Amino acid sequence: MSQQKSSEVRDVYCQRFGQIAIQMGLIDVEQLIAALSEQVRDDVEGRPHRVLGTIFFEQGVLTPGQIDQILNRLFRQQEQNP
């Protein structure tokens, strides 16, 4: 990808739930990788898809309030970069 194209993508890129949670210091990279693996495993094995917030809540890693904080930040970013 050209440097210009890469810059354009970066300018409109919206961070995802896990990345925001890491930036906020609520989870670490290993926890994100484990939750993503669990999410994929559910999908591959035909179980209902679970979003990361649900997985982290079920594991006792994040509280509902922390999930709301992450989602609020995510939604604000999406509003700024439609």
C-alpha atoms as a PDB file:
ATOM      1  CA  MET A   1       0.000   0.000   0.000  1.00  0.00           C
ATOM      2  CA  SER A   2       1.337   3.419  -0.874  1.00  0.00           C
ATOM      3  CA  GLN A   3       2.215   5.814   1.906  1.00  0.00           C
ATOM      4  CA  GLN A   4      -0.519   8.217   0.765  1.00  0.00           C
ATOM      5  CA  LYS A   5      -3.153   5.465   0.726  1.00  0.00           C
ATOM      6  CA  SER A   6      -1.966   4.232   4.129  1.00  0.00           C
ATOM      7  CA  SER A   7      -2.344   7.759   5.510  1.00  0.00           C
ATOM      8  CA  GLU A   8      -5.866   8.048   4.076  1.00  0.00           C
ATOM      9  CA  VAL A   9      -6.897   4.770   5.685  1.00  0.00           C
ATOM     10  CA  ARG A  10      -5.409   5.817   9.013  1.00  0.00           C
ATOM     11  CA  ASP A  11      -7.304   9.129   8.885  1.00  0.00           C
ATOM     12  CA  VAL A  12     -10.706   7.402   8.614  1.00  0.00           C
ATOM     13  CA  TYR A  13      -9.877   4.309  10.684  1.00  0.00           C
ATOM     14  CA  CYS A  14     -12.080   3.749  13.704  1.00  0.00           C
ATOM     15  CA  GLN A  15     -10.496   2.026  16.652  1.00  0.00           C
ATOM     16  CA  ARG A  16     -12.119  -1.118  17.852  1.00  0.00           C
ATOM     17  CA  PHE A  17     -13.397  -2.087  21.303  1.00  0.00           C
ATOM     18  CA  GLY A  18     -10.302  -4.064  22.306  1.00  0.00           C
ATOM     19  CA  GLN A  19      -7.851  -1.406  21.224  1.00  0.00           C
ATOM     20  CA  ILE A  20      -9.703   1.253  23.192  1.00  0.00           C
ATOM     21  CA  ALA A  21      -9.844  -0.978  26.277  1.00  0.00           C
ATOM     22  CA  ILE A  22      -6.066  -1.440  26.076  1.00  0.00           C
ATOM     23  CA  GLN A  23      -5.463   2.303  25.675  1.00  0.00           C
ATOM     24  CA  MET A  24      -7.642   2.956  28.711  1.00  0.00           C
ATOM     25  CA  GLY A  25      -5.562   0.464  30.713  1.00  0.00           C
ATOM     26  CA  LEU A  26      -8.540  -1.801  31.380  1.00  0.00           C
ATOM     27  CA  ILE A  27      -7.107  -4.908  29.688  1.00  0.00           C
ATOM     28  CA  ASP A  28      -3.751  -6.008  28.311  1.00  0.00           C
ATOM     29  CA  VAL A  29      -2.806  -7.437  24.937  1.00  0.00           C
ATOM     30  CA  GLU A  30      -2.834 -11.031  26.198  1.00  0.00           C
ATOM     31  CA  GLN A  31      -6.376 -10.635  27.509  1.00  0.00           C
ATOM     32  CA  LEU A  32      -7.510  -9.227  24.157  1.00  0.00           C
ATOM     33  CA  ILE A  33      -5.892 -12.069  22.223  1.00  0.00           C
ATOM     34  CA  ALA A  34      -7.508 -14.640  24.521  1.00  0.00           C
ATOM     35  CA  ALA A  35     -10.951 -13.032  24.151  1.00  0.00           C
ATOM     36  CA  LEU A  36     -10.604 -12.807  20.369  1.00  0.00           C
ATOM     37  CA  SER A  37      -9.611 -16.483  20.283  1.00  0.00           C
ATOM     38  CA  GLU A  38     -12.648 -17.364  22.364  1.00  0.00           C
ATOM     39  CA  GLN A  39     -14.862 -15.319  20.033  1.00  0.00           C
ATOM     40  CA  VAL A  40     -13.514 -17.102  16.950  1.00  0.00           C
ATOM     41  CA  ARG A  41     -13.797 -20.502  18.646  1.00  0.00           C
ATOM     42  CA  ASP A  42     -17.473 -19.815  19.401  1.00  0.00           C
ATOM     43  CA  ASP A  43     -18.091 -18.861  15.773  1.00  0.00           C
ATOM     44  CA  VAL A  44     -16.236 -21.866  14.342  1.00  0.00           C
ATOM     45  CA  GLU A  45     -17.974 -24.309  16.673  1.00  0.00           C
ATOM     46  CA  GLY A  46     -21.425 -22.931  15.825  1.00  0.00           C
ATOM     47  CA  ARG A  47     -22.125 -21.287  19.170  1.00  0.00           C
ATOM     48  CA  PRO A  48     -23.805 -17.870  19.231  1.00  0.00           C
ATOM     49  CA  HIS A  49     -21.461 -14.972  18.432  1.00  0.00           C
ATOM     50  CA  ARG A  50     -20.480 -12.949  21.506  1.00  0.00           C
ATOM     51  CA  VAL A  51     -19.061  -9.447  21.374  1.00  0.00           C
ATOM     52  CA  LEU A  52     -15.864  -8.744  23.288  1.00  0.00           C
ATOM     53  CA  GLY A  53     -17.643  -6.750  25.977  1.00  0.00           C
ATOM     54  CA  THR A  54     -19.775  -9.780  26.787  1.00  0.00           C
ATOM     55  CA  ILE A  55     -16.764 -12.073  26.903  1.00  0.00           C
ATOM     56  CA  PHE A  56     -14.839  -9.730  29.203  1.00  0.00           C
ATOM     57  CA  PHE A  57     -17.872  -9.288  31.441  1.00  0.00           C
ATOM     58  CA  GLU A  58     -18.456 -13.042  31.693  1.00  0.00           C
ATOM     59  CA  GLN A  59     -14.784 -13.514  32.595  1.00  0.00           C
ATOM     60  CA  GLY A  60     -15.042 -10.848  35.300  1.00  0.00           C
ATOM     61  CA  VAL A  61     -12.437  -8.715  33.540  1.00  0.00           C
ATOM     62  CA  LEU A  62     -14.646  -5.676  32.862  1.00  0.00           C
ATOM     63  CA  THR A  63     -17.587  -4.203  34.748  1.00  0.00           C
ATOM     64  CA  PRO A  64     -20.697  -2.889  32.993  1.00  0.00           C
ATOM     65  CA  GLY A  65     -19.515   0.651  33.756  1.00  0.00           C
ATOM     66  CA  GLN A  66     -16.144   0.043  32.124  1.00  0.00           C
ATOM     67  CA  ILE A  67     -17.826  -1.459  29.067  1.00  0.00           C
ATOM     68  CA  ASP A  68     -20.031   1.631  28.828  1.00  0.00           C
ATOM     69  CA  GLN A  69     -16.941   3.881  28.996  1.00  0.00           C
ATOM     70  CA  ILE A  70     -15.301   1.984  26.138  1.00  0.00           C
ATOM     71  CA  LEU A  71     -18.470   2.015  24.035  1.00  0.00           C
ATOM     72  CA  ASN A  72     -18.982   5.739  24.647  1.00  0.00           C
ATOM     73  CA  ARG A  73     -15.470   6.455  23.425  1.00  0.00           C
ATOM     74  CA  LEU A  74     -15.989   4.173  20.421  1.00  0.00           C
ATOM     75  CA  PHE A  75     -19.279   5.852  19.488  1.00  0.00           C
ATOM     76  CA  ARG A  76     -17.793   9.346  19.876  1.00  0.00           C
ATOM     77  CA  GLN A  77     -14.987   8.377  17.470  1.00  0.00           C
ATOM     78  CA  GLN A  78     -17.495   7.015  14.968  1.00  0.00           C
ATOM     79  CA  GLU A  79     -19.499  10.253  15.118  1.00  0.00           C
ATOM     80  CA  GLN A  80     -16.335  12.263  14.436  1.00  0.00           C
ATOM     81  CA  ASN A  81     -15.341  10.025  11.501  1.00  0.00           C
ATOM     82  CA  PRO A  82     -18.571   9.025   9.751  1.00  0.00           C
END
